[in-house]
Amino acid sequence: MTPDALFQLANPLVLVGWGALLLSPLAPVWADRVASLLIPLLLSVAYAALVLSFWSGAPGGFGSLPEVMALFTTPGVALAGWLHYLAFDLFVGAWITRTARAEGIAHAFVIPCLALTFLFGPAGFLAFHILRATRALTEKVPA
């Protein structure tokens, strides 16, 4: 399978996981299985195969920003990087959803955090922690 074909498969696949998270109040067990385990594992297998196939022949490295930029000029390595983002952002989104459910945070408040995680990864993770901290502070303040 070419890197472009794998890219075309990975993007809709990860959207299934994000859809499961958005609908998780309707089927929490399935959302957990799909978004926490199944899709991240599939993306991880593809990631590992790409790294094994393309890493050794790729230019660049991690010693400087120009080296990192050179590293991602190889399509197979760039796709591995993209799958890394897709898998970990979805995994973090699933963690957010599970944690919110366990802590009794209304799903309506979680959705913006999921959107931020989907689009900007760490910004959504940060937003969720701000949500949790705000909730903890407001619960301790007497009315």
Protein backbone atom coordinates (compact mmCIF):
# COMPACT_ATOMS: atom_id res chain seq x y z
CA MET A 1 0.00 0.00 0.00
CA THR A 2 1.35 3.42 -0.90
CA PRO A 3 1.73 6.15 1.70
CA ASP A 4 -0.94 8.18 -0.11
CA ALA A 5 -3.43 5.28 -0.02
CA LEU A 6 -2.75 4.72 3.68
CA PHE A 7 -3.26 8.44 4.30
CA GLN A 8 -6.61 8.25 2.50
CA LEU A 9 -7.67 5.34 4.75
CA ALA A 10 -6.38 6.70 8.05
CA ASN A 11 -8.22 10.01 7.99
CA PRO A 12 -11.78 8.61 7.71
CA LEU A 13 -10.88 5.84 10.15
CA VAL A 14 -9.89 8.31 12.85
CA LEU A 15 -13.09 10.30 12.21
CA VAL A 16 -15.04 7.18 13.20
CA GLY A 17 -13.22 7.25 16.53
CA TRP A 18 -13.94 10.94 17.08
CA GLY A 19 -17.59 10.34 16.16
CA ALA A 20 -17.72 7.56 18.75
CA LEU A 21 -16.39 9.97 21.37
CA LEU A 22 -18.95 12.62 20.48
CA LEU A 23 -21.71 10.04 20.79
CA SER A 24 -20.20 8.30 23.80
CA PRO A 25 -23.10 9.06 26.18
CA LEU A 26 -25.22 6.79 23.96
CA ALA A 27 -22.78 3.87 23.93
CA PRO A 28 -19.88 4.46 26.35
CA VAL A 29 -18.49 0.93 26.20
CA TRP A 30 -18.30 0.97 22.40
CA ALA A 31 -16.81 4.45 22.38
CA ASP A 32 -14.09 3.26 24.76
CA ARG A 33 -13.35 0.16 22.70
CA VAL A 34 -13.28 1.96 19.36
CA ALA A 35 -11.57 5.23 20.31
CA SER A 36 -9.30 4.03 23.12
CA LEU A 37 -8.20 0.72 21.75
CA LEU A 38 -9.19 -0.46 18.26
CA ILE A 39 -8.41 2.57 16.12
CA PRO A 40 -5.27 3.65 18.03
CA LEU A 41 -3.96 0.07 17.76
CA LEU A 42 -4.61 -0.04 14.01
CA LEU A 43 -2.89 3.30 13.55
CA SER A 44 -0.01 2.10 15.73
CA VAL A 45 0.52 -0.97 13.57
CA ALA A 46 0.61 1.19 10.44
CA TYR A 47 2.94 3.65 12.19
CA ALA A 48 5.35 0.89 13.21
CA ALA A 49 5.37 -0.53 9.67
CA LEU A 50 6.13 2.90 8.22
CA VAL A 51 8.94 3.55 10.68
CA LEU A 52 10.46 0.14 9.95
CA SER A 53 10.15 0.72 6.21
CA PHE A 54 11.29 4.33 5.85
CA TRP A 55 13.20 5.52 8.91
CA SER A 56 16.67 4.18 8.13
CA GLY A 57 16.78 5.79 4.68
CA ALA A 58 15.37 9.15 5.71
CA PRO A 59 17.54 12.26 5.89
CA GLY A 60 17.65 14.43 8.99
CA GLY A 61 17.20 13.63 12.64
CA PHE A 62 16.22 15.21 15.95
CA GLY A 63 19.32 17.30 16.72
CA SER A 64 18.02 20.58 15.34
CA LEU A 65 14.92 22.06 13.76
CA PRO A 66 16.45 21.87 10.24
CA GLU A 67 17.19 18.17 10.84
CA VAL A 68 13.58 17.53 11.93
CA MET A 69 12.35 19.40 8.87
CA ALA A 70 14.58 17.27 6.63
CA LEU A 71 13.38 14.10 8.33
CA PHE A 72 9.79 14.81 7.38
CA THR A 73 10.57 15.39 3.69
CA THR A 74 10.32 11.63 3.12
CA PRO A 75 6.65 10.79 2.42
CA GLY A 76 6.70 7.56 4.45
CA VAL A 77 8.20 9.30 7.48
CA ALA A 78 5.82 12.26 7.12
CA LEU A 79 2.90 9.83 7.06
CA ALA A 80 4.27 8.07 10.14
CA GLY A 81 4.33 11.45 11.86
CA TRP A 82 0.74 12.11 10.79
CA LEU A 83 -0.40 8.71 12.08
CA HIS A 84 1.40 9.47 15.34
CA TYR A 85 -0.70 12.63 15.70
CA LEU A 86 -3.92 10.85 14.75
CA ALA A 87 -3.37 7.95 17.17
CA PHE A 88 -2.26 10.00 20.16
CA ASP A 89 -4.81 12.78 19.76
CA LEU A 90 -7.59 10.21 19.56
CA PHE A 91 -6.17 8.35 22.55
CA VAL A 92 -6.08 11.61 24.54
CA GLY A 93 -9.64 12.40 23.42
CA ALA A 94 -10.76 8.99 24.67
CA TRP A 95 -8.99 9.60 27.99
CA ILE A 96 -10.73 12.96 28.29
CA THR A 97 -14.10 11.33 27.63
CA ARG A 98 -13.53 8.52 30.14
CA THR A 99 -12.22 10.87 32.80
CA ALA A 100 -15.11 13.29 32.36
CA ARG A 101 -17.59 10.42 32.62
CA ALA A 102 -15.92 9.11 35.78
CA GLU A 103 -15.90 12.57 37.35
CA GLY A 104 -19.48 13.37 36.40
CA ILE A 105 -18.61 16.23 34.03
CA ALA A 106 -21.46 16.93 31.62
CA HIS A 107 -20.64 15.82 28.09
CA ALA A 108 -21.72 19.20 26.72
CA PHE A 109 -18.71 20.74 28.52
CA VAL A 110 -16.39 18.05 27.18
CA ILE A 111 -17.27 18.53 23.50
CA PRO A 112 -15.29 21.79 23.10
CA CYS A 113 -12.28 20.08 24.70
CA LEU A 114 -12.64 17.21 22.24
CA ALA A 115 -12.84 19.65 19.32
CA LEU A 116 -9.68 21.38 20.49
CA THR A 117 -7.92 18.05 20.95
CA PHE A 118 -8.98 16.93 17.47
CA LEU A 119 -7.69 20.14 15.89
CA PHE A 120 -4.82 21.21 18.14
CA GLY A 121 -3.96 18.21 20.38
CA PRO A 122 -2.29 19.64 23.48
CA ALA A 123 -4.57 22.70 23.51
CA GLY A 124 -7.56 20.40 24.06
CA PHE A 125 -5.72 18.52 26.78
CA LEU A 126 -4.99 21.85 28.46
CA ALA A 127 -8.60 23.01 28.07
CA PHE A 128 -9.86 19.83 29.72
CA HIS A 129 -7.53 20.33 32.68
CA ILE A 130 -8.73 23.93 32.99
CA LEU A 131 -12.31 22.63 32.93
CA ARG A 132 -11.53 20.12 35.67
CA ALA A 133 -9.76 22.73 37.80
CA THR A 134 -12.57 25.24 37.35
CA ARG A 135 -15.13 22.61 38.29
CA ALA A 136 -13.14 21.63 41.39
CA LEU A 137 -12.88 25.26 42.49
CA THR A 138 -16.57 26.00 41.95
CA GLU A 139 -17.63 22.89 43.85
CA LYS A 140 -15.65 24.00 46.89
CA VAL A 141 -17.10 27.52 46.95
CA PRO A 142 -20.21 27.68 49.16
CA ALA A 143 -23.30 29.11 47.45
